[in-house]
Amino acid sequence: MTTDVPQSVSVVGLGKLGLAFAACLAHRGFQVTGIDISPERVAAINAGTVSDVEPGLQELLRESSDMLTATTNLSEAVGENEVIYLFVNTPGEPSGKFTTKDLLSAIENIGPDLAVCKTQPLVVLVSSVTPGTIEEEIIPALERVSGRKNGEGFYFCYNPVLLLWEQCFVTT
């Protein structure tokens, strides 16, 4: 992995948080591939007609439409992108634990592409998970489906949602 700032990134999961993050990255000059499982949502994003009520999101999407492309094809998450952000839903259960079912499904889908990727991408989980989940479930799943090891074939980073927003919106 190079120390240069990546020029293109992927954002997997274009819900309320993922889309706002993808739009901010695109607005700042990154080429962003956004991936979502909803064809209707993807079409709306590409048309610039999302119905999200985030203040300024529509304008931000219009201003950066040449830098953000949405797709349902999870294979495009890996491609030549150096950073893959995972904004996949991890809803809470009554027990207090977060469900990783959707996240593990996304990992299963990008794994074959990660296996043949020419780069060593940084995979960033932006979500809420309980302690131990990263080492016990997430990294082992990425290693299993890709045949690569964390720190060798890819790099993994966990960035809780609240820390992400602080990093994105604090200006100097």
Protein backbone atom coordinates (compact mmCIF):
# COMPACT_ATOMS: atom_id res chain seq x y z
CA MET A 1 0.00 0.00 0.00
CA THR A 2 1.38 3.37 -0.92
CA THR A 3 1.48 6.38 1.36
CA ASP A 4 -0.05 8.57 -1.31
CA VAL A 5 -3.61 9.79 -0.88
CA PRO A 6 -5.88 7.46 -2.87
CA GLN A 7 -7.59 8.97 -5.87
CA SER A 8 -10.46 6.50 -6.06
CA VAL A 9 -12.42 4.83 -3.31
CA SER A 10 -15.47 2.63 -2.90
CA VAL A 11 -18.31 3.08 -0.48
CA VAL A 12 -20.36 -0.08 0.06
CA GLY A 13 -23.77 0.80 1.47
CA LEU A 14 -25.42 4.02 0.31
CA GLY A 15 -27.91 4.49 3.11
CA LYS A 16 -28.18 7.71 5.04
CA LEU A 17 -24.60 7.65 6.35
CA GLY A 18 -22.85 5.98 3.41
CA LEU A 19 -24.36 8.27 0.80
CA ALA A 20 -23.54 11.43 2.72
CA PHE A 21 -19.96 10.21 3.18
CA ALA A 22 -19.63 9.24 -0.50
CA ALA A 23 -20.98 12.65 -1.57
CA CYS A 24 -18.51 14.45 0.71
CA LEU A 25 -15.58 12.45 -0.68
CA ALA A 26 -16.70 13.12 -4.26
CA HIS A 27 -17.11 16.81 -3.48
CA ARG A 28 -13.53 16.88 -2.17
CA GLY A 29 -12.19 15.47 -5.44
CA PHE A 30 -12.12 11.71 -4.95
CA GLN A 31 -13.49 9.43 -7.65
CA VAL A 32 -16.09 7.43 -5.73
CA THR A 33 -17.80 4.19 -6.68
CA GLY A 34 -20.86 3.76 -4.49
CA ILE A 35 -22.40 0.32 -4.17
CA ASP A 36 -25.87 -0.48 -2.86
CA ILE A 37 -28.17 -3.50 -3.09
CA SER A 38 -31.20 -1.41 -4.08
CA PRO A 39 -31.48 -0.81 -7.85
CA GLU A 40 -34.03 1.96 -7.18
CA ARG A 41 -31.67 3.76 -4.81
CA VAL A 42 -28.76 3.42 -7.25
CA ALA A 43 -30.87 4.83 -10.09
CA ALA A 44 -32.00 7.74 -7.93
CA ILE A 45 -28.43 8.55 -6.87
CA ASN A 46 -27.17 8.45 -10.45
CA ALA A 47 -30.07 10.68 -11.52
CA GLY A 48 -29.44 13.05 -8.60
CA THR A 49 -32.97 12.61 -7.30
CA VAL A 50 -32.54 10.97 -3.90
CA SER A 51 -35.28 11.72 -1.43
CA ASP A 52 -33.01 11.92 1.62
CA VAL A 53 -33.75 14.85 3.85
CA GLU A 54 -30.14 15.58 4.79
CA PRO A 55 -29.68 19.34 4.41
CA GLY A 56 -27.54 20.13 1.38
CA LEU A 57 -27.22 16.53 0.16
CA GLN A 58 -29.08 17.07 -3.13
CA GLU A 59 -26.89 20.07 -3.96
CA LEU A 60 -23.72 18.22 -2.98
CA LEU A 61 -24.70 15.29 -5.23
CA ARG A 62 -25.41 17.62 -8.16
CA GLU A 63 -22.12 19.48 -7.72
CA SER A 64 -20.09 16.27 -7.59
CA SER A 65 -22.06 14.07 -10.00
CA ASP A 66 -19.02 13.59 -12.24
CA MET A 67 -17.05 12.16 -9.29
CA LEU A 68 -19.66 9.73 -7.87
CA THR A 69 -21.10 6.72 -9.65
CA ALA A 70 -23.52 4.34 -7.98
CA THR A 71 -23.96 0.68 -8.90
CA THR A 72 -25.43 -2.54 -7.54
CA ASN A 73 -22.36 -4.50 -8.66
CA LEU A 74 -20.32 -5.34 -5.55
CA SER A 75 -17.42 -6.44 -7.75
CA GLU A 76 -16.87 -2.78 -8.54
CA ALA A 77 -16.14 -2.18 -4.86
CA VAL A 78 -12.70 -3.68 -5.25
CA GLY A 79 -11.53 -2.89 -8.78
CA GLU A 80 -8.48 -0.67 -8.66
CA ASN A 81 -9.69 1.23 -5.61
CA GLU A 82 -7.20 1.54 -2.80
CA VAL A 83 -9.79 2.08 -0.08
CA ILE A 84 -13.09 0.24 0.42
CA TYR A 85 -15.44 1.72 3.02
CA LEU A 86 -18.08 -0.67 4.36
CA PHE A 87 -21.21 1.18 5.52
CA VAL A 88 -23.28 -1.97 5.74
CA ASN A 89 -26.17 -2.16 8.19
CA THR A 90 -25.41 -3.82 11.54
CA PRO A 91 -28.69 -3.44 13.44
CA GLY A 92 -28.91 -4.18 17.15
CA GLU A 93 -30.59 -7.28 18.52
CA PRO A 94 -32.59 -7.48 21.76
CA SER A 95 -29.50 -9.02 23.40
CA GLY A 96 -27.55 -5.82 22.72
CA LYS A 97 -25.26 -7.45 20.18
CA PHE A 98 -25.11 -6.07 16.65
CA THR A 99 -26.15 -8.34 13.79
CA THR A 100 -23.35 -8.82 11.29
CA LYS A 101 -25.42 -10.87 8.81
CA ASP A 102 -25.60 -8.12 6.14
CA LEU A 103 -21.97 -7.17 6.64
CA LEU A 104 -20.79 -10.76 6.29
CA SER A 105 -22.91 -11.11 3.14
CA ALA A 106 -21.19 -8.06 1.61
CA ILE A 107 -17.80 -9.51 2.56
CA GLU A 108 -18.73 -12.82 0.89
CA ASN A 109 -19.58 -10.92 -2.28
CA ILE A 110 -16.41 -8.83 -2.49
CA GLY A 111 -14.11 -11.68 -1.42
CA PRO A 112 -13.53 -13.24 -4.85
CA ASP A 113 -12.62 -9.83 -6.29
CA LEU A 114 -10.36 -9.08 -3.35
CA ALA A 115 -8.60 -12.40 -4.05
CA VAL A 116 -7.52 -11.28 -7.53
CA CYS A 117 -7.11 -7.57 -6.80
CA LYS A 118 -3.81 -6.11 -8.00
CA THR A 119 -3.59 -3.73 -5.06
CA GLN A 120 -3.52 -4.26 -1.31
CA PRO A 121 -6.58 -2.22 -0.44
CA LEU A 122 -7.48 -0.75 2.90
CA VAL A 123 -10.87 -2.12 3.97
CA VAL A 124 -12.51 0.27 6.43
CA LEU A 125 -15.50 -0.84 8.47
CA VAL A 126 -17.63 2.15 9.40
CA SER A 127 -20.27 0.69 11.64
CA SER A 128 -21.16 -0.30 15.14
CA VAL A 129 -20.09 -3.73 16.29
CA THR A 130 -19.52 -5.23 19.70
CA PRO A 131 -16.01 -5.74 21.08
CA GLY A 132 -14.30 -8.81 19.70
CA THR A 133 -16.39 -8.94 16.52
CA ILE A 134 -13.57 -7.58 14.38
CA GLU A 135 -11.04 -10.25 15.41
CA GLU A 136 -13.56 -13.08 15.77
CA GLU A 137 -15.78 -12.57 12.70
CA ILE A 138 -14.90 -9.76 10.32
CA ILE A 139 -11.17 -10.20 9.67
CA PRO A 140 -11.42 -14.03 9.55
CA ALA A 141 -14.27 -13.73 7.01
CA LEU A 142 -12.24 -11.36 4.81
CA GLU A 143 -9.23 -13.68 5.00
CA ARG A 144 -11.30 -16.79 4.25
CA VAL A 145 -13.15 -15.42 1.21
CA SER A 146 -10.13 -13.66 -0.28
CA GLY A 147 -7.39 -16.14 0.54
CA ARG A 148 -5.33 -13.14 1.68
CA LYS A 149 -4.05 -12.20 5.10
CA ASN A 150 -4.73 -8.94 6.88
CA GLY A 151 -1.54 -6.89 6.79
CA GLU A 152 -0.27 -8.68 3.67
CA GLY A 153 -2.97 -8.91 0.97
CA PHE A 154 -5.22 -6.22 2.40
CA TYR A 155 -5.30 -3.93 5.40
CA PHE A 156 -8.24 -3.66 7.77
CA CYS A 157 -9.33 -0.66 9.79
CA TYR A 158 -12.29 -0.20 12.09
CA ASN A 159 -13.61 3.34 12.28
CA PRO A 160 -16.70 3.73 14.47
CA VAL A 161 -19.35 5.95 12.95
CA LEU A 162 -19.04 8.81 15.42
CA LEU A 163 -15.29 9.14 14.87
CA LEU A 164 -15.82 9.18 11.11
CA TRP A 165 -18.11 12.20 11.20
CA GLU A 166 -15.68 14.13 13.36
CA GLN A 167 -12.89 13.45 10.84
CA CYS A 168 -15.03 14.42 7.84
CA PHE A 169 -16.55 17.63 9.01
CA VAL A 170 -13.99 19.26 11.27
CA THR A 171 -12.29 22.01 9.31
CA THR A 172 -8.99 23.63 10.04
